Amino acid sequence: MKKLICLSVAAAMACTMTACSGSSSSQTSPSSRSQEAGDSGSQETGKQDSGKQDSGNAVDLVLYNNKIETVDALQKTADAFHQSHPDISITIETTQSEQYSTSLKTRYASGEAPDIFMVTGKEDMLLWLDNLEDLSDQK
């Protein structure tokens, strides 16, 4: 389980690095299932069973993001990751920044926490510290 968490966070870091590159391409893949949420201006893609293993070794991860403008770059990275790791799919779910913290707290309280999520600064990192995995010793 610890390796799965490490893999999840590593994938998030890779997605974040790509998101900063400003890519604007949009692709649909096995790791992408999109639907618009109609309330409070939030946009979320369809959610699979978060982090649960299907038959065989397939793993479906959910990456929860707070910046709608990075969805294309995150999806491009998730697709590339899925191509090199076909048993792992990453579903990108996004909520606008204003609602992100409240939404993330609600998801944790309801047992629907994402596998990977963004932190928005030092205070946010300290708030979620018990849910983060230190990967500084990883390659």
Protein backbone atom coordinates (compact mmCIF):
# COMPACT_ATOMS: atom_id res chain seq x y z
CA MET A 1 0.00 0.00 0.00
CA LYS A 2 2.87 2.38 0.80
CA LYS A 3 4.29 1.85 -2.69
CA LEU A 4 0.89 2.71 -4.18
CA ILE A 5 0.82 5.95 -2.20
CA CYS A 6 4.37 6.75 -3.27
CA LEU A 7 3.46 6.07 -6.88
CA SER A 8 0.42 8.31 -6.52
CA VAL A 9 2.40 11.22 -5.17
CA ALA A 10 5.15 10.71 -7.74
CA ALA A 11 2.54 10.85 -10.49
CA ALA A 12 1.15 14.04 -8.97
CA MET A 13 4.59 15.62 -8.94
CA ALA A 14 5.11 14.66 -12.58
CA CYS A 15 1.70 16.11 -13.46
CA THR A 16 2.47 19.33 -11.62
CA MET A 17 5.77 19.77 -13.44
CA THR A 18 4.07 19.29 -16.79
CA ALA A 19 1.24 21.61 -15.79
CA CYS A 20 3.75 24.43 -15.38
CA SER A 21 4.84 23.99 -19.00
CA GLY A 22 1.60 25.54 -20.22
CA SER A 23 0.58 22.82 -22.66
CA SER A 24 -2.81 23.37 -24.24
CA SER A 25 -3.55 20.06 -25.92
CA SER A 26 -6.56 18.02 -24.86
CA GLN A 27 -6.73 14.27 -25.28
CA THR A 28 -9.15 11.55 -24.35
CA SER A 29 -7.78 8.25 -23.11
CA PRO A 30 -8.59 5.40 -20.77
CA SER A 31 -7.54 7.69 -17.92
CA SER A 32 -10.03 10.39 -18.92
CA ARG A 33 -13.76 10.34 -18.32
CA SER A 34 -15.19 13.83 -18.49
CA GLN A 35 -18.48 15.24 -17.29
CA GLU A 36 -19.45 18.75 -16.25
CA ALA A 37 -20.72 19.26 -12.72
CA GLY A 38 -23.53 21.76 -12.79
CA ASP A 39 -23.25 23.42 -9.38
CA SER A 40 -21.20 26.32 -7.99
CA GLY A 41 -18.99 26.68 -11.03
CA SER A 42 -17.02 23.53 -10.36
CA GLN A 43 -15.82 21.19 -13.06
CA GLU A 44 -15.14 17.57 -12.21
CA THR A 45 -14.40 14.62 -14.41
CA GLY A 46 -16.16 11.32 -13.78
CA LYS A 47 -14.81 9.40 -10.82
CA GLN A 48 -13.87 5.78 -10.77
CA ASP A 49 -13.34 3.69 -7.63
CA SER A 50 -10.49 5.74 -6.22
CA GLY A 51 -7.30 3.77 -5.77
CA LYS A 52 -9.11 0.43 -5.80
CA GLN A 53 -7.59 -2.48 -7.64
CA ASP A 54 -9.68 -4.09 -10.36
CA SER A 55 -9.22 -7.63 -11.58
CA GLY A 56 -5.57 -8.29 -12.25
CA ASN A 57 -3.21 -5.48 -11.40
CA ALA A 58 -5.19 -2.50 -12.74
CA VAL A 59 -5.20 0.56 -10.51
CA ASP A 60 -7.41 3.60 -10.96
CA LEU A 61 -6.15 6.74 -9.23
CA VAL A 62 -7.90 10.09 -8.78
CA LEU A 63 -5.89 13.31 -8.96
CA TYR A 64 -7.77 16.24 -7.41
CA ASN A 65 -6.74 19.63 -8.81
CA ASN A 66 -7.62 23.23 -7.96
CA LYS A 67 -6.78 24.99 -11.22
CA ILE A 68 -9.10 24.55 -14.18
CA GLU A 69 -6.47 26.12 -16.45
CA THR A 70 -4.09 23.17 -15.83
CA VAL A 71 -6.51 20.37 -16.73
CA ASP A 72 -5.21 19.94 -20.29
CA ALA A 73 -1.58 19.71 -19.16
CA LEU A 74 -2.46 17.34 -16.31
CA GLN A 75 -4.48 15.15 -18.67
CA LYS A 76 -1.64 15.05 -21.20
CA THR A 77 0.74 13.89 -18.46
CA ALA A 78 -1.76 11.34 -17.11
CA ASP A 79 -2.18 9.95 -20.62
CA ALA A 80 1.58 9.67 -21.11
CA PHE A 81 1.93 8.00 -17.72
CA HIS A 82 -0.86 5.55 -18.63
CA GLN A 83 0.92 4.67 -21.90
CA SER A 84 4.09 3.72 -20.05
CA HIS A 85 2.14 2.10 -17.16
CA PRO A 86 -0.96 0.58 -18.82
CA ASP A 87 -2.25 -0.94 -15.56
CA ILE A 88 -2.50 2.50 -13.94
CA SER A 89 -5.12 5.05 -14.95
CA ILE A 90 -5.31 8.55 -13.50
CA THR A 91 -8.61 10.41 -13.52
CA ILE A 92 -8.28 14.19 -13.21
CA GLU A 93 -10.96 15.89 -11.09
CA THR A 94 -10.96 19.67 -10.82
CA THR A 95 -12.76 22.17 -8.62
CA GLN A 96 -12.30 25.93 -8.79
CA SER A 97 -9.78 27.37 -6.35
CA GLU A 98 -12.37 29.14 -4.21
CA GLN A 99 -14.12 25.85 -3.36
CA TYR A 100 -11.10 23.53 -3.39
CA SER A 101 -10.16 23.50 0.31
CA THR A 102 -13.75 23.09 1.50
CA SER A 103 -14.42 20.42 -1.10
CA LEU A 104 -11.25 18.50 -0.18
CA LYS A 105 -12.16 18.58 3.53
CA THR A 106 -15.66 17.33 2.70
CA ARG A 107 -14.27 14.50 0.58
CA TYR A 108 -11.95 13.35 3.38
CA ALA A 109 -14.77 13.56 5.95
CA SER A 110 -17.06 11.47 3.73
CA GLY A 111 -14.42 8.81 3.01
CA GLU A 112 -14.12 9.86 -0.66
CA ALA A 113 -10.60 11.29 -0.48
CA PRO A 114 -8.65 11.48 -3.73
CA ASP A 115 -5.46 9.44 -4.12
CA ILE A 116 -3.46 12.50 -5.18
CA PHE A 117 -4.25 16.14 -4.45
CA MET A 118 -2.63 19.53 -4.83
CA VAL A 119 -1.56 21.69 -1.91
CA THR A 120 -1.82 25.43 -2.37
CA GLY A 121 0.97 26.69 -0.14
CA LYS A 122 2.79 26.19 3.15
CA GLU A 123 -0.29 26.61 5.36
CA ASP A 124 -2.21 24.14 3.20
CA MET A 125 0.69 21.69 3.32
CA LEU A 126 0.78 21.91 7.12
CA LEU A 127 -3.00 21.35 7.27
CA TRP A 128 -2.73 18.15 5.21
CA LEU A 129 0.65 16.96 6.54
CA ASP A 130 -0.80 13.74 8.01
CA ASN A 131 -2.07 12.80 4.54
CA LEU A 132 1.21 13.43 2.66
CA GLU A 133 4.03 11.00 1.91
CA ASP A 134 7.67 12.17 1.89
CA LEU A 135 9.26 10.99 -1.35
CA SER A 136 12.52 12.91 -1.03
CA ASP A 137 14.44 9.62 -0.74
CA GLN A 138 12.99 8.28 -4.02
CA LYS A 139 14.69 8.34 -7.41
